[in-house]
Amino acid sequence: MAAVHPRKHKALPLPPARERIDHAAYELFSRHGVRAVGVDAVVARSGVAKKTLYFHYPSKGKLALAFLQRREELWTRAWLQEGVNRRARRPADRLLAVFDMFNSWFHRSDYEGCAFIRVLFEHDDPKHPIRKSTEDHIRTVRDFVRQLAEEARVRDPDGFARQWQIVMMGSIIAAYAGDRDAARRAKKLGVLLLADAGIRSRGRAQV
């Protein structure tokens, strides 16, 4: 009886080099920040030659800016905004749903904190392109909150959005410092902010 040989499978082709670079930079920068991660680490994680990386990104700064844009697309828009809109219908409830999303995020074993906050602290020069880009991305989050506040007919949507973002960012830092229930506490503060703005919400204490 002839021996049965295992079927040979063709190796799956690797993703294009730029995609591998983007993915590696996203993972490393999200978890460790920009300054702590060298180009060599991105090269090692992506499996491309350094020359290939510099072909797509002439400098580490260009790579960092691309990372921040990708973070906005994946975290701010695809995860936060779409997730909030799926969880609730009323604008006030959507505002509180931000902390429902955060609660799930904070309790993940791979919780990495906020990349925007980390990069912001790394670059104190207000004119630095990476600093300016980070501020723009943080503003995008606040614009989303302000839009919800406008839909909820808050009297001062811009001021309210700034207050709300302070609570959001504070909870992110608290969770990174070890308080994984920070979103639950932040949600209670959110209920108070809505009440102060004259907006009724379901005000669920549980997340």
Protein backbone atom coordinates (compact mmCIF):
# COMPACT_ATOMS: atom_id res chain seq x y z
CA MET A 1 0.00 0.00 0.00
CA ALA A 2 1.44 3.33 -1.02
CA ALA A 3 2.40 5.75 1.70
CA VAL A 4 0.08 8.69 2.20
CA HIS A 5 1.91 11.99 2.09
CA PRO A 6 0.47 15.13 3.65
CA ARG A 7 -0.99 17.55 1.16
CA LYS A 8 1.35 20.40 0.43
CA HIS A 9 -0.09 23.84 0.97
CA LYS A 10 1.19 26.86 -0.82
CA ALA A 11 2.50 29.51 1.54
CA LEU A 12 0.18 32.49 1.70
CA PRO A 13 1.71 35.61 0.21
CA LEU A 14 2.78 38.26 2.69
CA PRO A 15 0.87 41.55 2.73
CA PRO A 16 2.47 44.39 0.79
CA ALA A 17 5.47 45.97 2.47
CA ARG A 18 3.75 49.26 3.29
CA GLU A 19 0.84 47.46 4.91
CA ARG A 20 3.26 45.48 7.08
CA ILE A 21 5.10 48.66 8.06
CA ASP A 22 1.83 50.41 8.94
CA HIS A 23 0.66 47.47 11.01
CA ALA A 24 3.96 47.16 12.88
CA ALA A 25 4.17 50.90 13.56
CA TYR A 26 0.57 50.94 14.77
CA GLU A 27 1.15 48.16 17.28
CA LEU A 28 4.44 49.54 18.57
CA PHE A 29 3.52 53.24 18.69
CA SER A 30 0.12 52.53 20.26
CA ARG A 31 1.69 50.61 23.12
CA HIS A 32 5.02 52.36 23.65
CA GLY A 33 4.70 55.83 22.14
CA VAL A 34 6.69 57.30 19.28
CA ARG A 35 9.92 58.34 20.98
CA ALA A 36 10.49 55.01 22.71
CA VAL A 37 10.26 53.05 19.45
CA GLY A 38 13.13 53.20 17.01
CA VAL A 39 13.01 52.58 13.29
CA ASP A 40 14.93 49.33 13.81
CA ALA A 41 12.09 48.00 15.97
CA VAL A 42 9.54 48.77 13.26
CA VAL A 43 11.79 47.10 10.68
CA ALA A 44 12.15 44.00 12.85
CA ARG A 45 8.41 43.76 13.55
CA SER A 46 7.38 44.32 9.93
CA GLY A 47 10.02 42.06 8.39
CA VAL A 48 11.00 44.58 5.71
CA ALA A 49 14.39 46.06 4.94
CA LYS A 50 15.21 49.45 6.39
CA LYS A 51 15.66 50.74 2.85
CA THR A 52 12.10 49.64 2.07
CA LEU A 53 10.74 51.46 5.11
CA TYR A 54 12.50 54.67 4.12
CA PHE A 55 11.21 54.28 0.56
CA HIS A 56 7.65 54.51 1.89
CA TYR A 57 8.40 56.86 4.79
CA PRO A 58 11.45 59.12 4.29
CA SER A 59 11.64 59.82 8.03
CA LYS A 60 10.40 58.51 11.33
CA GLY A 61 8.36 61.71 11.65
CA LYS A 62 6.45 60.87 8.46
CA LEU A 63 5.80 57.39 9.82
CA ALA A 64 4.54 58.85 13.11
CA LEU A 65 2.16 61.20 11.30
CA ALA A 66 0.80 58.30 9.27
CA PHE A 67 0.33 56.34 12.49
CA LEU A 68 -1.67 59.17 14.09
CA GLN A 69 -3.93 59.35 11.04
CA ARG A 70 -4.43 55.58 11.12
CA ARG A 71 -5.19 55.76 14.86
CA GLU A 72 -7.92 58.28 14.17
CA GLU A 73 -9.41 56.09 11.46
CA LEU A 74 -9.32 52.87 13.49
CA TRP A 75 -9.85 54.12 17.05
CA THR A 76 -11.76 57.38 16.82
CA ARG A 77 -14.00 56.70 13.84
CA ALA A 78 -14.28 52.95 13.35
CA TRP A 79 -14.23 51.96 17.04
CA LEU A 80 -15.44 54.87 19.17
CA GLN A 81 -17.87 56.75 16.95
CA GLU A 82 -19.40 53.74 15.24
CA GLY A 83 -19.58 51.85 18.53
CA VAL A 84 -21.32 54.72 20.32
CA ASN A 85 -23.82 55.11 17.49
CA ARG A 86 -24.63 51.41 17.63
CA ARG A 87 -25.17 51.38 21.38
CA ALA A 88 -27.75 54.16 21.71
CA ARG A 89 -30.19 56.28 19.74
CA ARG A 90 -30.73 59.41 21.80
CA PRO A 91 -27.81 61.88 21.74
CA ALA A 92 -27.65 62.05 25.56
CA ASP A 93 -27.51 58.27 25.77
CA ARG A 94 -24.83 58.22 23.09
CA LEU A 95 -22.73 60.55 25.20
CA LEU A 96 -22.99 58.14 28.11
CA ALA A 97 -22.30 55.23 25.78
CA VAL A 98 -18.79 56.63 25.38
CA PHE A 99 -18.07 55.32 28.87
CA ASP A 100 -19.73 51.98 28.10
CA MET A 101 -17.22 51.65 25.27
CA PHE A 102 -14.39 52.72 27.54
CA ASN A 103 -15.39 50.19 30.19
CA SER A 104 -14.97 47.33 27.73
CA TRP A 105 -11.71 48.80 26.52
CA PHE A 106 -10.28 49.33 30.01
CA HIS A 107 -10.93 45.71 30.97
CA ARG A 108 -9.14 44.24 27.98
CA SER A 109 -5.93 42.41 28.83
CA ASP A 110 -4.12 44.36 26.10
CA TYR A 111 -5.38 47.80 27.18
CA GLU A 112 -2.73 50.20 25.95
CA GLY A 113 -4.01 53.63 27.02
CA CYS A 114 -4.47 56.56 24.67
CA ALA A 115 -1.88 56.95 21.94
CA PHE A 116 -2.82 60.60 21.43
CA ILE A 117 -2.24 61.47 25.09
CA ARG A 118 1.05 59.59 25.13
CA VAL A 119 2.37 61.32 22.00
CA LEU A 120 1.13 64.68 23.24
CA PHE A 121 3.25 64.35 26.38
CA GLU A 122 6.26 63.34 24.29
CA HIS A 123 6.25 66.54 22.21
CA ASP A 124 6.05 69.79 24.15
CA ASP A 125 6.90 72.11 21.25
CA PRO A 126 3.54 73.53 20.07
CA LYS A 127 4.98 74.06 16.59
CA HIS A 128 6.21 70.49 16.14
CA PRO A 129 4.28 68.76 13.31
CA ILE A 130 3.62 65.68 15.44
CA ARG A 131 2.38 67.81 18.34
CA LYS A 132 0.09 69.80 16.04
CA SER A 133 -1.22 66.62 14.41
CA THR A 134 -1.92 65.08 17.81
CA GLU A 135 -3.84 68.15 18.92
CA ASP A 136 -5.88 67.95 15.70
CA HIS A 137 -6.78 64.32 16.39
CA ILE A 138 -7.79 65.13 19.98
CA ARG A 139 -9.93 67.93 18.56
CA THR A 140 -11.62 65.41 16.26
CA VAL A 141 -12.77 63.46 19.32
CA ARG A 142 -14.05 66.67 20.92
CA ASP A 143 -15.87 67.62 17.70
CA PHE A 144 -17.72 64.31 17.85
CA VAL A 145 -18.76 65.00 21.45
CA ARG A 146 -19.80 68.54 20.52
CA GLN A 147 -21.95 67.20 17.69
CA LEU A 148 -23.75 64.91 20.13
CA ALA A 149 -24.16 67.82 22.54
CA GLU A 150 -25.68 69.94 19.78
CA GLU A 151 -28.08 67.14 18.89
CA ALA A 152 -29.02 66.89 22.57
CA ARG A 153 -29.63 70.66 22.54
CA VAL A 154 -27.06 71.49 25.19
CA ARG A 155 -26.92 75.25 25.76
CA ASP A 156 -23.14 75.56 25.32
CA PRO A 157 -22.09 72.57 23.22
CA ASP A 158 -18.46 73.64 22.87
CA GLY A 159 -17.94 74.22 26.58
CA PHE A 160 -19.82 71.02 27.37
CA ALA A 161 -17.66 69.05 24.92
CA ARG A 162 -14.52 70.35 26.60
CA GLN A 163 -15.82 69.29 30.01
CA TRP A 164 -16.81 65.88 28.66
CA GLN A 165 -13.42 65.34 27.08
CA ILE A 166 -11.69 66.20 30.35
CA VAL A 167 -13.66 63.38 31.99
CA MET A 168 -12.89 61.05 29.08
CA MET A 169 -9.15 61.72 29.15
CA GLY A 170 -9.02 61.56 32.92
CA SER A 171 -10.67 58.16 32.94
CA ILE A 172 -8.23 56.85 30.32
CA ILE A 173 -5.26 57.92 32.43
CA ALA A 174 -6.84 56.52 35.61
CA ALA A 175 -7.42 53.17 33.91
CA TYR A 176 -3.82 53.12 32.66
CA ALA A 177 -2.72 53.78 36.25
CA GLY A 178 -4.60 50.67 37.35
CA ASP A 179 -8.21 51.73 37.99
CA ARG A 180 -9.94 49.52 35.45
CA ASP A 181 -13.35 50.65 36.76
CA ALA A 182 -12.57 54.28 35.88
CA ALA A 183 -15.20 54.30 33.12
CA ARG A 184 -17.94 53.46 35.62
CA ARG A 185 -16.91 56.37 37.81
CA ALA A 186 -16.61 58.66 34.79
CA LYS A 187 -20.09 57.73 33.63
CA LYS A 188 -21.54 58.91 36.92
CA LEU A 189 -19.81 62.24 36.40
CA GLY A 190 -21.27 62.31 32.89
CA VAL A 191 -24.78 61.96 34.32
CA LEU A 192 -24.09 64.97 36.53
CA LEU A 193 -22.78 67.02 33.61
CA LEU A 194 -25.89 66.24 31.59
CA ALA A 195 -28.14 67.18 34.50
CA ASP A 196 -26.21 70.43 34.95
CA ALA A 197 -26.79 71.16 31.26
CA GLY A 198 -30.51 70.55 31.72
CA ILE A 199 -30.49 67.33 29.70
CA ARG A 200 -32.34 64.26 30.84
CA SER A 201 -30.69 60.91 30.39
CA ARG A 202 -31.36 57.42 31.51
CA GLY A 203 -28.48 57.91 33.90
CA ARG A 204 -27.70 54.26 34.29
CA ALA A 205 -25.26 53.72 37.10
CA GLN A 206 -24.30 50.34 35.71
CA VAL A 207 -22.03 50.11 32.68
